[in-house]
Amino acid sequence: MNQQKKETCCCAKTKERSEKEYKDLTNRLSRIEGQIRGIKGMVEKDAYCTDILIQVEAVKAALNSFNKVLLTNHIKTCVTNDIKDGKEETVDELVDTLQKLMK
């Protein structure tokens, strides 16, 4: 689906995403990246602390939203397919992941 060259990942598992999912996730990350650059610019221009803090919270909210979308897609595809294929260990992996996300 993704027409760009796939880079080697540090993870053993991979997932081929639909073009729609790929575009949604990369667009969200691009917006977050822009927000981070904006915060860096604010620091470089000596912006007021509370103004920067508000922008940091906006980035955190955007990252949380990204995680929700990614987790939803993961459950609907990877987890569901693995359970159908009898790979029950995927549920344990999901529980471990959720515990890490909830710290």
N, C-alpha and C. Protein backbone atom coordinates (compact mmCIF):
# COMPACT_ATOMS: atom_id res chain seq x y z
N MET A 1 0.81 -1.19 0.00
CA MET A 1 0.00 0.00 0.00
C MET A 1 0.86 1.27 0.00
N ASN A 2 1.76 1.37 0.98
CA ASN A 2 2.66 2.52 1.03
C ASN A 2 3.66 2.39 -0.11
N GLN A 3 3.66 3.36 -0.99
CA GLN A 3 4.50 3.29 -2.18
C GLN A 3 5.94 3.68 -1.90
N GLN A 4 6.21 4.30 -0.75
CA GLN A 4 7.56 4.69 -0.42
C GLN A 4 8.37 3.46 -0.03
N LYS A 5 9.69 3.57 -0.13
CA LYS A 5 10.57 2.47 0.25
C LYS A 5 10.42 2.20 1.74
N LYS A 6 10.22 0.94 2.07
CA LYS A 6 10.10 0.54 3.47
C LYS A 6 11.47 0.51 4.10
N GLU A 7 11.62 1.17 5.24
CA GLU A 7 12.88 1.13 5.96
C GLU A 7 12.84 -0.04 6.92
N THR A 8 13.99 -0.56 7.24
CA THR A 8 14.07 -1.64 8.20
C THR A 8 13.68 -1.12 9.57
N CYS A 9 12.81 -1.84 10.23
CA CYS A 9 12.32 -1.45 11.54
C CYS A 9 13.12 -2.16 12.62
N CYS A 10 13.15 -1.57 13.79
CA CYS A 10 13.85 -2.20 14.90
C CYS A 10 13.04 -3.34 15.50
N CYS A 11 11.80 -3.46 15.10
CA CYS A 11 10.90 -4.46 15.66
C CYS A 11 10.89 -5.72 14.79
N ALA A 12 10.61 -6.84 15.42
CA ALA A 12 10.54 -8.11 14.68
C ALA A 12 9.26 -8.19 13.87
N LYS A 13 8.19 -7.61 14.40
CA LYS A 13 6.89 -7.67 13.71
C LYS A 13 6.71 -6.42 12.85
N THR A 14 5.97 -6.57 11.79
CA THR A 14 5.61 -5.42 10.95
C THR A 14 4.12 -5.52 10.64
N LYS A 15 3.58 -4.43 10.09
CA LYS A 15 2.18 -4.42 9.70
C LYS A 15 2.04 -3.60 8.43
N GLU A 16 1.45 -4.19 7.44
CA GLU A 16 1.16 -3.43 6.22
C GLU A 16 -0.14 -2.69 6.44
N ARG A 17 -0.10 -1.38 6.27
CA ARG A 17 -1.27 -0.55 6.49
C ARG A 17 -1.93 -0.18 5.17
N SER A 18 -3.23 0.03 5.23
CA SER A 18 -3.93 0.51 4.04
C SER A 18 -3.43 1.93 3.74
N GLU A 19 -3.62 2.35 2.52
CA GLU A 19 -3.20 3.71 2.14
C GLU A 19 -3.91 4.75 3.01
N LYS A 20 -5.19 4.53 3.30
CA LYS A 20 -5.96 5.46 4.13
C LYS A 20 -5.38 5.55 5.54
N GLU A 21 -5.11 4.39 6.15
CA GLU A 21 -4.54 4.37 7.50
C GLU A 21 -3.16 5.02 7.51
N TYR A 22 -2.35 4.67 6.53
CA TYR A 22 -1.01 5.24 6.42
C TYR A 22 -1.06 6.77 6.33
N LYS A 23 -1.91 7.28 5.45
CA LYS A 23 -2.01 8.74 5.28
C LYS A 23 -2.52 9.41 6.54
N ASP A 24 -3.51 8.81 7.19
CA ASP A 24 -4.05 9.39 8.42
C ASP A 24 -2.97 9.48 9.50
N LEU A 25 -2.26 8.38 9.70
CA LEU A 25 -1.23 8.38 10.75
C LEU A 25 -0.08 9.34 10.42
N THR A 26 0.39 9.32 9.18
CA THR A 26 1.50 10.21 8.84
C THR A 26 1.09 11.67 8.85
N ASN A 27 -0.15 11.98 8.47
CA ASN A 27 -0.63 13.36 8.55
C ASN A 27 -0.69 13.84 9.99
N ARG A 28 -1.18 12.97 10.88
CA ARG A 28 -1.24 13.33 12.30
C ARG A 28 0.17 13.59 12.84
N LEU A 29 1.11 12.71 12.47
CA LEU A 29 2.49 12.89 12.94
C LEU A 29 3.12 14.14 12.36
N SER A 30 2.82 14.47 11.14
CA SER A 30 3.35 15.70 10.54
C SER A 30 2.84 16.94 11.27
N ARG A 31 1.55 16.91 11.65
CA ARG A 31 1.01 18.04 12.42
C ARG A 31 1.69 18.15 13.77
N ILE A 32 1.89 17.01 14.43
CA ILE A 32 2.57 17.00 15.73
C ILE A 32 3.99 17.51 15.58
N GLU A 33 4.67 17.07 14.54
CA GLU A 33 6.03 17.53 14.26
C GLU A 33 6.05 19.05 14.08
N GLY A 34 5.06 19.58 13.38
CA GLY A 34 4.96 21.03 13.21
C GLY A 34 4.73 21.74 14.53
N GLN A 35 3.90 21.14 15.38
CA GLN A 35 3.66 21.73 16.70
C GLN A 35 4.95 21.77 17.51
N ILE A 36 5.73 20.70 17.46
CA ILE A 36 7.00 20.65 18.19
C ILE A 36 7.94 21.73 17.68
N ARG A 37 8.02 21.87 16.36
CA ARG A 37 8.88 22.93 15.79
C ARG A 37 8.40 24.31 16.24
N GLY A 38 7.09 24.46 16.34
CA GLY A 38 6.53 25.73 16.83
C GLY A 38 6.93 26.01 18.27
N ILE A 39 6.91 24.98 19.10
CA ILE A 39 7.33 25.14 20.50
C ILE A 39 8.81 25.50 20.56
N LYS A 40 9.61 24.84 19.75
CA LYS A 40 11.04 25.16 19.73
C LYS A 40 11.23 26.63 19.33
N GLY A 41 10.48 27.07 18.34
CA GLY A 41 10.55 28.47 17.93
C GLY A 41 10.14 29.42 19.04
N MET A 42 9.13 29.02 19.81
CA MET A 42 8.70 29.85 20.94
C MET A 42 9.82 29.98 21.96
N VAL A 43 10.51 28.88 22.24
CA VAL A 43 11.62 28.92 23.19
C VAL A 43 12.73 29.82 22.66
N GLU A 44 13.05 29.66 21.38
CA GLU A 44 14.11 30.46 20.76
C GLU A 44 13.77 31.96 20.76
N LYS A 45 12.47 32.27 20.74
CA LYS A 45 12.04 33.68 20.74
C LYS A 45 11.66 34.17 22.13
N ASP A 46 12.04 33.39 23.14
CA ASP A 46 11.80 33.77 24.54
C ASP A 46 10.32 34.02 24.84
N ALA A 47 9.45 33.15 24.31
CA ALA A 47 8.02 33.27 24.59
C ALA A 47 7.77 33.05 26.08
N TYR A 48 6.67 33.55 26.54
CA TYR A 48 6.28 33.44 27.94
C TYR A 48 6.02 31.98 28.30
N CYS A 49 6.45 31.58 29.48
CA CYS A 49 6.40 30.18 29.92
C CYS A 49 5.01 29.56 29.78
N THR A 50 3.99 30.24 30.27
CA THR A 50 2.65 29.65 30.23
C THR A 50 2.17 29.45 28.79
N ASP A 51 2.57 30.31 27.89
CA ASP A 51 2.20 30.14 26.48
C ASP A 51 2.83 28.87 25.92
N ILE A 52 4.06 28.61 26.29
CA ILE A 52 4.74 27.39 25.85
C ILE A 52 4.08 26.17 26.47
N LEU A 53 3.79 26.24 27.76
CA LEU A 53 3.15 25.12 28.45
C LEU A 53 1.81 24.75 27.81
N ILE A 54 1.06 25.74 27.40
CA ILE A 54 -0.23 25.48 26.73
C ILE A 54 -0.01 24.74 25.42
N GLN A 55 1.02 25.13 24.68
CA GLN A 55 1.32 24.45 23.42
C GLN A 55 1.81 23.02 23.66
N VAL A 56 2.56 22.82 24.74
CA VAL A 56 3.02 21.47 25.08
C VAL A 56 1.81 20.58 25.38
N GLU A 57 0.84 21.10 26.08
CA GLU A 57 -0.38 20.33 26.37
C GLU A 57 -1.12 19.99 25.09
N ALA A 58 -1.12 20.89 24.13
CA ALA A 58 -1.76 20.62 22.84
C ALA A 58 -1.05 19.47 22.13
N VAL A 59 0.28 19.42 22.22
CA VAL A 59 1.04 18.32 21.62
C VAL A 59 0.71 17.00 22.33
N LYS A 60 0.63 17.05 23.64
CA LYS A 60 0.29 15.84 24.40
C LYS A 60 -1.08 15.32 24.00
N ALA A 61 -2.03 16.22 23.82
CA ALA A 61 -3.38 15.83 23.40
C ALA A 61 -3.35 15.23 22.00
N ALA A 62 -2.56 15.80 21.11
CA ALA A 62 -2.44 15.27 19.75
C ALA A 62 -1.80 13.89 19.76
N LEU A 63 -0.79 13.68 20.60
CA LEU A 63 -0.16 12.37 20.71
C LEU A 63 -1.14 11.34 21.29
N ASN A 64 -1.93 11.75 22.27
CA ASN A 64 -2.94 10.85 22.83
C ASN A 64 -3.96 10.46 21.77
N SER A 65 -4.36 11.42 20.96
CA SER A 65 -5.29 11.14 19.88
C SER A 65 -4.68 10.17 18.86
N PHE A 66 -3.41 10.38 18.53
CA PHE A 66 -2.69 9.48 17.63
C PHE A 66 -2.69 8.06 18.20
N ASN A 67 -2.37 7.94 19.49
CA ASN A 67 -2.34 6.64 20.15
C ASN A 67 -3.71 5.95 20.10
N LYS A 68 -4.77 6.71 20.31
CA LYS A 68 -6.12 6.13 20.27
C LYS A 68 -6.44 5.56 18.90
N VAL A 69 -6.10 6.32 17.86
CA VAL A 69 -6.35 5.86 16.49
C VAL A 69 -5.51 4.62 16.20
N LEU A 70 -4.24 4.66 16.55
CA LEU A 70 -3.35 3.53 16.30
C LEU A 70 -3.80 2.28 17.07
N LEU A 71 -4.17 2.46 18.33
CA LEU A 71 -4.62 1.35 19.15
C LEU A 71 -5.92 0.75 18.60
N THR A 72 -6.83 1.61 18.19
CA THR A 72 -8.09 1.13 17.60
C THR A 72 -7.82 0.30 16.36
N ASN A 73 -6.97 0.82 15.48
CA ASN A 73 -6.62 0.08 14.26
C ASN A 73 -5.95 -1.24 14.60
N HIS A 74 -5.08 -1.22 15.61
CA HIS A 74 -4.37 -2.44 16.03
C HIS A 74 -5.35 -3.51 16.50
N ILE A 75 -6.30 -3.11 17.33
CA ILE A 75 -7.27 -4.07 17.86
C ILE A 75 -8.16 -4.61 16.73
N LYS A 76 -8.59 -3.71 15.84
CA LYS A 76 -9.50 -4.13 14.76
C LYS A 76 -8.82 -5.00 13.71
N THR A 77 -7.51 -4.90 13.60
CA THR A 77 -6.83 -5.68 12.56
C THR A 77 -5.93 -6.74 13.17
N CYS A 78 -4.80 -6.34 13.70
CA CYS A 78 -3.79 -7.28 14.20
C CYS A 78 -4.34 -8.23 15.26
N VAL A 79 -4.94 -7.68 16.29
CA VAL A 79 -5.42 -8.49 17.40
C VAL A 79 -6.54 -9.41 16.94
N THR A 80 -7.50 -8.86 16.22
CA THR A 80 -8.63 -9.66 15.74
C THR A 80 -8.15 -10.79 14.83
N ASN A 81 -7.28 -10.49 13.89
CA ASN A 81 -6.77 -11.52 12.98
C ASN A 81 -5.98 -12.59 13.72
N ASP A 82 -5.15 -12.18 14.69
CA ASP A 82 -4.37 -13.16 15.45
C ASP A 82 -5.27 -14.08 16.27
N ILE A 83 -6.32 -13.52 16.87
CA ILE A 83 -7.24 -14.36 17.65
C ILE A 83 -7.94 -15.36 16.73
N LYS A 84 -8.36 -14.89 15.56
CA LYS A 84 -8.99 -15.80 14.59
C LYS A 84 -8.04 -16.91 14.17
N ASP A 85 -6.74 -16.58 14.12
CA ASP A 85 -5.72 -17.56 13.74
C ASP A 85 -5.25 -18.41 14.91
N GLY A 86 -5.87 -18.23 16.09
CA GLY A 86 -5.52 -19.03 17.25
C GLY A 86 -4.31 -18.54 18.02
N LYS A 87 -3.85 -17.33 17.75
CA LYS A 87 -2.67 -16.79 18.44
C LYS A 87 -3.13 -16.02 19.69
N GLU A 88 -3.47 -16.75 20.70
CA GLU A 88 -4.01 -16.16 21.93
C GLU A 88 -3.00 -15.29 22.66
N GLU A 89 -1.69 -15.50 22.42
CA GLU A 89 -0.67 -14.69 23.10
C GLU A 89 -0.77 -13.21 22.73
N THR A 90 -1.47 -12.92 21.65
CA THR A 90 -1.65 -11.53 21.24
C THR A 90 -2.46 -10.76 22.28
N VAL A 91 -3.38 -11.43 22.95
CA VAL A 91 -4.16 -10.78 24.00
C VAL A 91 -3.25 -10.37 25.14
N ASP A 92 -2.32 -11.25 25.52
CA ASP A 92 -1.36 -10.92 26.58
C ASP A 92 -0.50 -9.73 26.16
N GLU A 93 -0.08 -9.73 24.91
CA GLU A 93 0.72 -8.61 24.39
C GLU A 93 -0.08 -7.30 24.46
N LEU A 94 -1.36 -7.36 24.11
CA LEU A 94 -2.21 -6.18 24.17
C LEU A 94 -2.36 -5.69 25.61
N VAL A 95 -2.57 -6.61 26.54
CA VAL A 95 -2.70 -6.23 27.95
C VAL A 95 -1.41 -5.57 28.44
N ASP A 96 -0.26 -6.14 28.09
CA ASP A 96 1.02 -5.54 28.47
C ASP A 96 1.17 -4.13 27.90
N THR A 97 0.79 -3.97 26.65
CA THR A 97 0.87 -2.66 26.00
C THR A 97 -0.04 -1.66 26.69
N LEU A 98 -1.26 -2.06 26.99
CA LEU A 98 -2.20 -1.16 27.67
C LEU A 98 -1.69 -0.76 29.04
N GLN A 99 -1.07 -1.70 29.75
CA GLN A 99 -0.51 -1.37 31.07
C GLN A 99 0.61 -0.33 30.94
N LYS A 100 1.43 -0.44 29.91
CA LYS A 100 2.49 0.54 29.69
C LYS A 100 1.92 1.90 29.32
N LEU A 101 0.86 1.91 28.54
CA LEU A 101 0.25 3.18 28.13
C LEU A 101 -0.46 3.88 29.28
N MET A 102 -0.88 3.13 30.28
CA MET A 102 -1.65 3.70 31.38
C MET A 102 -0.80 4.15 32.56
N LYS A 103 0.51 4.13 32.43
CA LYS A 103 1.38 4.57 33.52
C LYS A 103 1.29 6.05 33.72
